[in-house]
Structure formats: structure tokens, C-alpha cells
Amino acid sequence: MPVKLLKSVIVLGCIAILLGGCSRRMFIAGAAATGIGVGTYAYVKGNLKRNYDAPMDKVWNATLATMKEFNLTVTSQRRDGFNGVIDGKMADDRTFQINVVRIGTNTTEVGIRVGVFGDRGRAEVMHGHIYSLL
């Protein structure tokens, strides 16, 4: 079990113990969600994250191709060997931000936030297209 996953499970367990009662069900669901494998989504505070079984370079290129195919305006992009951020605007003037993070040699996390509060539907469509290009 990866150290990051183990820490997440421990923190969730402590929270469940402190909150007691019905929150134990939430702990079990949270622990299960934390352990879900590559290719699943996590939607937290307007940011839709997904892990891909692909190297960062390939995911980065697929993400940029998705922006181009959807005619989205990329206002800035910055990247190093571990992280990348793409900022942009949609036709309705809503902004978006995409964070690409190298998790391992062949695992990359992509987080997409559309607008101030997030738009899960649009983020899911973007993720679906990124996935189709990999």
C-alpha cells in the first residue's frame, strides 16, 4: 500500500472516530474512494481529478490537443518535469484551469476546474476526450 494512500486512510479514520455515529459510514465510503484505482474520478470542491495510465508527456499533449479540438483559448501554460498548469477561457468567458501532475513513470493525475465553483459536466467531457486520445 503506497504511503500516501496509507496516510489518507489513517486521517479519514481519525476523523471518523472524532465525529462518531453516522460519520463512520462516510469514513468507509471515503476510504474506499481513496483506494480506487487508476481511471476513476474524484470531484472535490469543483475540481474533477482523474489518474491516467500514461506518462506525463503523453497526457500533457492529449490535454493540449483536447483544448484545441474544443476551440478553447489557452491563456497560459507552464510545465516542468513533475507538474503542469494550463489556464484558459471558454466562449462564455468562464475560465478553466487544468493541473497535470506526474504521479509515477506511467501514471499522471489531471485535475480540471471549470469556472469559479466548478462545472462537473464540462470537466467530465474534457476528461473523456483526453482519455480517448491516449
Protein backbone atom coordinates (compact mmCIF):
# COMPACT_ATOMS: atom_id res chain seq x y z
CA MET A 1 0.00 0.00 0.00
CA PRO A 2 1.54 3.37 -1.01
CA VAL A 3 2.49 5.69 1.85
CA LYS A 4 0.24 8.50 0.56
CA LEU A 5 -2.77 6.14 0.48
CA LEU A 6 -1.99 4.82 3.96
CA LYS A 7 -1.78 8.36 5.36
CA SER A 8 -5.14 9.22 3.76
CA VAL A 9 -6.80 6.19 5.30
CA ILE A 10 -5.34 6.98 8.73
CA VAL A 11 -6.52 10.61 8.57
CA LEU A 12 -10.00 9.51 7.49
CA GLY A 13 -10.07 7.02 10.35
CA CYS A 14 -9.18 9.69 12.90
CA ILE A 15 -11.87 11.99 11.55
CA ALA A 16 -14.44 9.19 11.77
CA ILE A 17 -13.52 8.45 15.37
CA LEU A 18 -13.75 12.13 16.31
CA LEU A 19 -17.10 12.66 14.61
CA GLY A 20 -18.61 9.34 15.71
CA GLY A 21 -22.04 7.90 14.82
CA CYS A 22 -23.21 8.19 11.26
CA SER A 23 -19.91 9.60 10.05
CA ARG A 24 -18.43 6.10 10.25
CA ARG A 25 -20.34 5.29 7.08
CA MET A 26 -18.77 8.33 5.45
CA PHE A 27 -15.33 7.11 6.57
CA ILE A 28 -15.86 3.73 4.96
CA ALA A 29 -17.00 5.36 1.72
CA GLY A 30 -14.07 7.79 1.82
CA ALA A 31 -11.55 5.05 2.48
CA ALA A 32 -12.98 3.01 -0.37
CA ALA A 33 -12.82 6.01 -2.71
CA THR A 34 -9.22 6.67 -1.70
CA GLY A 35 -8.25 3.14 -2.64
CA ILE A 36 -9.94 3.12 -6.02
CA GLY A 37 -7.51 2.56 -8.84
CA VAL A 38 -6.40 4.45 -11.90
CA GLY A 39 -9.08 5.78 -14.20
CA THR A 40 -11.61 6.80 -11.58
CA TYR A 41 -12.78 10.32 -10.86
CA ALA A 42 -12.66 12.34 -7.66
CA TYR A 43 -14.73 15.54 -7.54
CA VAL A 44 -13.65 17.78 -4.66
CA LYS A 45 -14.59 21.45 -4.29
CA GLY A 46 -15.23 21.93 -8.00
CA ASN A 47 -12.05 20.17 -9.15
CA LEU A 48 -12.52 16.91 -11.06
CA LYS A 49 -9.41 14.72 -10.82
CA ARG A 50 -8.57 11.55 -12.67
CA ASN A 51 -5.47 9.38 -12.90
CA TYR A 52 -4.32 8.09 -16.28
CA ASP A 53 -2.12 5.08 -17.03
CA ALA A 54 0.20 7.11 -19.25
CA PRO A 55 3.40 9.14 -18.91
CA MET A 56 3.10 12.85 -18.22
CA ASP A 57 4.32 13.90 -21.70
CA LYS A 58 1.60 11.89 -23.42
CA VAL A 59 -1.14 13.17 -21.08
CA TRP A 60 0.09 16.77 -21.44
CA ASN A 61 -0.06 16.52 -25.25
CA ALA A 62 -3.51 14.91 -25.15
CA THR A 63 -4.73 17.69 -22.85
CA LEU A 64 -3.47 20.43 -25.17
CA ALA A 65 -4.98 18.62 -28.17
CA THR A 66 -8.31 18.48 -26.34
CA MET A 67 -8.22 22.24 -25.74
CA LYS A 68 -7.51 22.80 -29.44
CA GLU A 69 -10.26 20.43 -30.64
CA PHE A 70 -12.82 22.10 -28.35
CA ASN A 71 -11.71 25.57 -29.58
CA LEU A 72 -10.84 26.67 -26.03
CA THR A 73 -8.50 29.60 -25.57
CA VAL A 74 -5.34 28.70 -23.66
CA THR A 75 -4.20 31.90 -21.91
CA SER A 76 -1.13 30.39 -20.27
CA GLN A 77 0.70 27.13 -19.86
CA ARG A 78 3.67 26.31 -17.71
CA ARG A 79 5.32 23.00 -17.07
CA ASP A 80 8.31 21.21 -15.63
CA GLY A 81 9.10 17.51 -15.32
CA PHE A 82 6.64 16.98 -12.47
CA ASN A 83 3.77 19.48 -12.80
CA GLY A 84 1.99 21.46 -15.45
CA VAL A 85 -0.77 24.06 -15.39
CA ILE A 86 -2.95 25.17 -18.28
CA ASP A 87 -5.17 28.23 -17.79
CA GLY A 88 -7.78 29.28 -20.29
CA LYS A 89 -11.16 30.72 -21.22
CA MET A 90 -14.27 29.31 -22.79
CA ALA A 91 -16.52 31.09 -25.29
CA ASP A 92 -18.88 32.09 -22.46
CA ASP A 93 -15.94 33.83 -20.69
CA ARG A 94 -15.74 31.20 -17.95
CA THR A 95 -12.21 30.35 -17.01
CA PHE A 96 -10.74 26.90 -16.58
CA GLN A 97 -7.59 25.53 -15.02
CA ILE A 98 -6.05 22.14 -15.67
CA ASN A 99 -3.35 20.74 -13.40
CA VAL A 100 -1.27 17.85 -14.70
CA VAL A 101 0.85 16.04 -12.11
CA ARG A 102 3.33 13.23 -12.64
CA ILE A 103 2.49 10.53 -10.07
CA GLY A 104 4.88 7.89 -11.39
CA THR A 105 6.68 6.85 -14.54
CA ASN A 106 3.46 5.72 -16.17
CA THR A 107 0.78 7.41 -14.02
CA THR A 108 -0.39 11.00 -14.40
CA GLU A 109 -3.10 12.89 -12.49
CA VAL A 110 -5.19 15.53 -14.23
CA GLY A 111 -7.38 17.95 -12.29
CA ILE A 112 -9.87 20.13 -14.18
CA ARG A 113 -11.78 23.06 -12.70
CA VAL A 114 -14.21 25.00 -14.89
CA GLY A 115 -15.39 28.37 -13.59
CA VAL A 116 -15.25 29.62 -10.03
CA PHE A 117 -17.34 26.85 -8.48
CA GLY A 118 -16.60 24.09 -10.97
CA ASP A 119 -18.70 22.53 -13.71
CA ARG A 120 -18.53 18.78 -13.32
CA GLY A 121 -20.30 18.08 -16.62
CA ARG A 122 -17.86 20.06 -18.73
CA ALA A 123 -14.90 18.69 -16.80
CA GLU A 124 -16.12 15.12 -17.41
CA VAL A 125 -16.42 15.80 -21.15
CA MET A 126 -12.85 17.17 -21.19
CA HIS A 127 -11.56 14.14 -19.27
CA GLY A 128 -13.39 11.81 -21.64
CA HIS A 129 -11.73 13.42 -24.64
CA ILE A 130 -8.28 13.38 -23.04
CA TYR A 131 -8.76 9.67 -22.33
CA SER A 132 -9.81 8.99 -25.92
CA LEU A 133 -6.54 10.47 -27.18
CA LEU A 134 -4.29 8.31 -25.00
